[in-house]
C-alpha atoms as a PDB file:
ATOM      1  CA  MET A   1       0.000   0.000   0.000  1.00  0.00           C
ATOM      2  CA  LYS A   2       1.324   3.469  -0.885  1.00  0.00           C
ATOM      3  CA  GLN A   3       2.221   5.783   1.953  1.00  0.00           C
ATOM      4  CA  ASN A   4       0.830   9.316   2.513  1.00  0.00           C
ATOM      5  CA  ILE A   5      -2.032   9.108  -0.029  1.00  0.00           C
ATOM      6  CA  HIS A   6      -4.880   7.967   2.226  1.00  0.00           C
ATOM      7  CA  PRO A   7      -6.854  10.384   4.452  1.00  0.00           C
ATOM      8  CA  ASP A   8      -6.647  10.135   8.224  1.00  0.00           C
ATOM      9  CA  TYR A   9      -9.333   7.969   9.832  1.00  0.00           C
ATOM     10  CA  LEU A  10     -11.056   9.996  12.566  1.00  0.00           C
ATOM     11  CA  GLN A  11     -14.013   9.675  14.906  1.00  0.00           C
ATOM     12  CA  MET A  12     -16.785  11.602  13.114  1.00  0.00           C
ATOM     13  CA  VAL A  13     -19.741  13.138  14.961  1.00  0.00           C
ATOM     14  CA  VAL A  14     -22.943  12.833  12.889  1.00  0.00           C
ATOM     15  CA  THR A  15     -25.691  15.352  13.695  1.00  0.00           C
ATOM     16  CA  CYS A  16     -29.226  14.844  12.386  1.00  0.00           C
ATOM     17  CA  ALA A  17     -31.833  17.541  11.699  1.00  0.00           C
ATOM     18  CA  CYS A  18     -33.982  16.015  14.458  1.00  0.00           C
ATOM     19  CA  GLY A  19     -31.202  16.692  17.008  1.00  0.00           C
ATOM     20  CA  ASN A  20     -29.869  13.158  17.380  1.00  0.00           C
ATOM     21  CA  THR A  21     -26.046  12.786  17.411  1.00  0.00           C
ATOM     22  CA  PHE A  22     -23.854   9.696  17.177  1.00  0.00           C
ATOM     23  CA  THR A  23     -20.240   8.887  16.309  1.00  0.00           C
ATOM     24  CA  VAL A  24     -18.875   6.826  13.442  1.00  0.00           C
ATOM     25  CA  GLY A  25     -15.509   6.502  11.738  1.00  0.00           C
ATOM     26  CA  GLY A  26     -14.710   8.761   8.802  1.00  0.00           C
ATOM     27  CA  SER A  27     -12.338  11.251   7.230  1.00  0.00           C
ATOM     28  CA  ARG A  28     -14.051  14.436   8.534  1.00  0.00           C
ATOM     29  CA  PRO A  29     -14.641  15.573  12.090  1.00  0.00           C
ATOM     30  CA  THR A  30     -18.389  16.363  11.630  1.00  0.00           C
ATOM     31  CA  LEU A  31     -21.279  15.499   9.307  1.00  0.00           C
ATOM     32  CA  HIS A  32     -24.809  16.939   9.189  1.00  0.00           C
ATOM     33  CA  VAL A  33     -27.637  14.757   7.805  1.00  0.00           C
ATOM     34  CA  ASP A  34     -31.374  15.299   7.256  1.00  0.00           C
ATOM     35  CA  VAL A  35     -32.598  11.850   8.319  1.00  0.00           C
ATOM     36  CA  CYS A  36     -31.136   9.341  10.780  1.00  0.00           C
ATOM     37  CA  HIS A  37     -32.167   5.983  12.245  1.00  0.00           C
ATOM     38  CA  LYS A  38     -34.192   7.744  14.961  1.00  0.00           C
ATOM     39  CA  CYS A  39     -36.390   9.800  12.628  1.00  0.00           C
ATOM     40  CA  HIS A  40     -36.489   7.835   9.337  1.00  0.00           C
ATOM     41  CA  PRO A  41     -40.144   7.124   8.353  1.00  0.00           C
ATOM     42  CA  PHE A  42     -39.504   3.493   7.433  1.00  0.00           C
ATOM     43  CA  ILE A  43     -37.917   2.674  10.772  1.00  0.00           C
ATOM     44  CA  THR A  44     -40.253   4.735  12.980  1.00  0.00           C
ATOM     45  CA  GLY A  45     -43.426   3.674  11.163  1.00  0.00           C
ATOM     46  CA  THR A  46     -44.628   7.254  10.719  1.00  0.00           C
ATOM     47  CA  GLN A  47     -45.163   8.579   7.247  1.00  0.00           C
ATOM     48  CA  LYS A  48     -45.073  12.212   6.173  1.00  0.00           C
ATOM     49  CA  PHE A  49     -46.920  13.305   3.070  1.00  0.00           C
ATOM     50  CA  ILE A  50     -45.186  16.270   1.520  1.00  0.00           C
ATOM     51  CA  ASP A  51     -47.108  18.092  -1.183  1.00  0.00           C
ATOM     52  CA  ALA A  52     -44.976  21.187  -1.627  1.00  0.00           C
ATOM     53  CA  MET A  53     -47.062  23.951  -3.188  1.00  0.00           C
ATOM     54  CA  GLY A  54     -49.710  21.556  -4.537  1.00  0.00           C
ATOM     55  CA  ARG A  55     -47.552  19.721  -7.073  1.00  0.00           C
ATOM     56  CA  VAL A  56     -50.302  17.276  -7.979  1.00  0.00           C
ATOM     57  CA  GLU A  57     -52.837  20.055  -8.520  1.00  0.00           C
ATOM     58  CA  LYS A  58     -50.382  21.985 -10.711  1.00  0.00           C
ATOM     59  CA  PHE A  59     -49.769  18.902 -12.834  1.00  0.00           C
ATOM     60  CA  THR A  60     -53.472  18.164 -13.348  1.00  0.00           C
ATOM     61  CA  ALA A  61     -54.148  21.813 -14.212  1.00  0.00           C
ATOM     62  CA  LYS A  62     -51.411  21.759 -16.864  1.00  0.00           C
ATOM     63  CA  ARG A  63     -52.752  18.523 -18.341  1.00  0.00           C
ATOM     64  CA  GLN A  64     -56.282  19.939 -18.575  1.00  0.00           C
ATOM     65  CA  ALA A  65     -55.026  23.138 -20.190  1.00  0.00           C
ATOM     66  CA  ALA A  66     -52.968  21.180 -22.723  1.00  0.00           C
ATOM     67  CA  SER A  67     -55.822  18.844 -23.681  1.00  0.00           C
ATOM     68  CA  GLY A  68     -57.440  21.521 -25.878  1.00  0.00           C
ATOM     69  CA  TYR A  69     -54.189  22.471 -27.592  1.00  0.00           C
ATOM     70  CA  VAL A  70     -53.944  21.597 -31.282  1.00  0.00           C
ATOM     71  CA  LYS A  71     -50.591  21.910 -32.999  1.00  0.00           C
ATOM     72  CA  LYS A  72     -50.740  24.114 -36.088  1.00  0.00           C
ATOM     73  CA  SER A  73     -48.555  23.823 -39.145  1.00  0.00           C
ATOM     74  CA  LYS A  74     -46.368  26.690 -40.301  1.00  0.00           C
ATOM     75  CA  LYS A  75     -48.787  28.089 -42.892  1.00  0.00           C
ATOM     76  CA  GLY A  76     -51.953  27.410 -40.941  1.00  0.00           C
ATOM     77  CA  GLN A  77     -52.803  24.396 -43.048  1.00  0.00           C
ATOM     78  CA  GLU A  78     -53.051  20.854 -41.831  1.00  0.00           C
ATOM     79  CA  ALA A  79     -49.942  18.843 -42.431  1.00  0.00           C
ATOM     80  CA  ILE A  80     -50.563  16.061 -44.916  1.00  0.00           C
ATOM     81  CA  ASP A  81     -48.702  12.861 -44.200  1.00  0.00           C
ATOM     82  CA  LYS A  82     -47.625  11.431 -47.546  1.00  0.00           C
ATOM     83  CA  THR A  83     -45.886   8.378 -46.188  1.00  0.00           C
ATOM     84  CA  PRO A  84     -47.526   5.046 -47.046  1.00  0.00           C
ATOM     85  CA  LYS A  85     -49.521   3.515 -44.223  1.00  0.00           C
ATOM     86  CA  SER A  86     -49.526  -0.058 -45.454  1.00  0.00           C
ATOM     87  CA  LEU A  87     -47.536  -2.391 -47.670  1.00  0.00           C
ATOM     88  CA  LYS A  88     -50.173  -2.147 -50.402  1.00  0.00           C
ATOM     89  CA  GLU A  89     -49.898   1.645 -50.526  1.00  0.00           C
ATOM     90  CA  MET A  90     -46.107   1.388 -50.681  1.00  0.00           C
ATOM     91  CA  LEU A  91     -46.229  -1.076 -53.584  1.00  0.00           C
ATOM     92  CA  ASP A  92     -48.789   1.052 -55.452  1.00  0.00           C
ATOM     93  CA  ALA A  93     -46.549   4.093 -55.102  1.00  0.00           C
ATOM     94  CA  LYS A  94     -43.608   2.107 -56.456  1.00  0.00           C
ATOM     95  CA  LYS A  95     -45.699   0.952 -59.452  1.00  0.00           C
ATOM     96  CA  LYS A  96     -46.698   4.533 -60.224  1.00  0.00           C
ATOM     97  CA  LEU A  97     -43.064   5.566 -60.272  1.00  0.00           C
ATOM     98  CA  SER A  98     -42.124   2.701 -62.597  1.00  0.00           C
ATOM     99  CA  LYS A  99     -45.005   3.541 -65.008  1.00  0.00           C
ATOM    100  CA  VAL A 100     -43.539   6.940 -65.768  1.00  0.00           C
ATOM    101  CA  GLU A 101     -42.652   6.944 -69.435  1.00  0.00           C
ATOM    102  CA  PRO A 102     -38.951   6.471 -69.960  1.00  0.00           C
ATOM    103  CA  VAL A 103     -37.174   9.113 -71.956  1.00  0.00           C
ATOM    104  CA  THR A 104     -36.606   7.901 -75.508  1.00  0.00           C
ATOM    105  CA  GLU A 105     -33.663   9.218 -77.381  1.00  0.00           C
ATOM    106  CA  ASP A 106     -33.713   9.587 -81.120  1.00  0.00           C
ATOM    107  CA  VAL A 107     -30.474   8.016 -82.095  1.00  0.00           C
ATOM    108  CA  THR A 108     -29.492   8.231 -85.720  1.00  0.00           C
ATOM    109  CA  THR A 109     -26.530   6.334 -86.907  1.00  0.00           C
ATOM    110  CA  GLU A 110     -24.396   7.728 -89.638  1.00  0.00           C
ATOM    111  CA  ALA A 111     -22.801   5.136 -91.885  1.00  0.00           C
END
């Protein structure tokens, strides 16, 4: 193991937002956390519902407002989708392209 590259291992004091403190090993002298084993909802069995500023209501309001929105094309006309929808339409389009009269050249040979 290389020397002088690893941090010092100290006793770290962990302080929770609820006020609980305990010590663990670490590389810093202190650590502040939001949730610990004394106040975590899964461990304590209490559950907190947090609906900051009515997030669900905002989302449903946006969805209802967007339901009446219709996307317009650039020139105010409906966009026409010219891509074939089925195999039959694709084959018919290919036949139409092949039925175009080929250009005939008038070739005269001089002898």
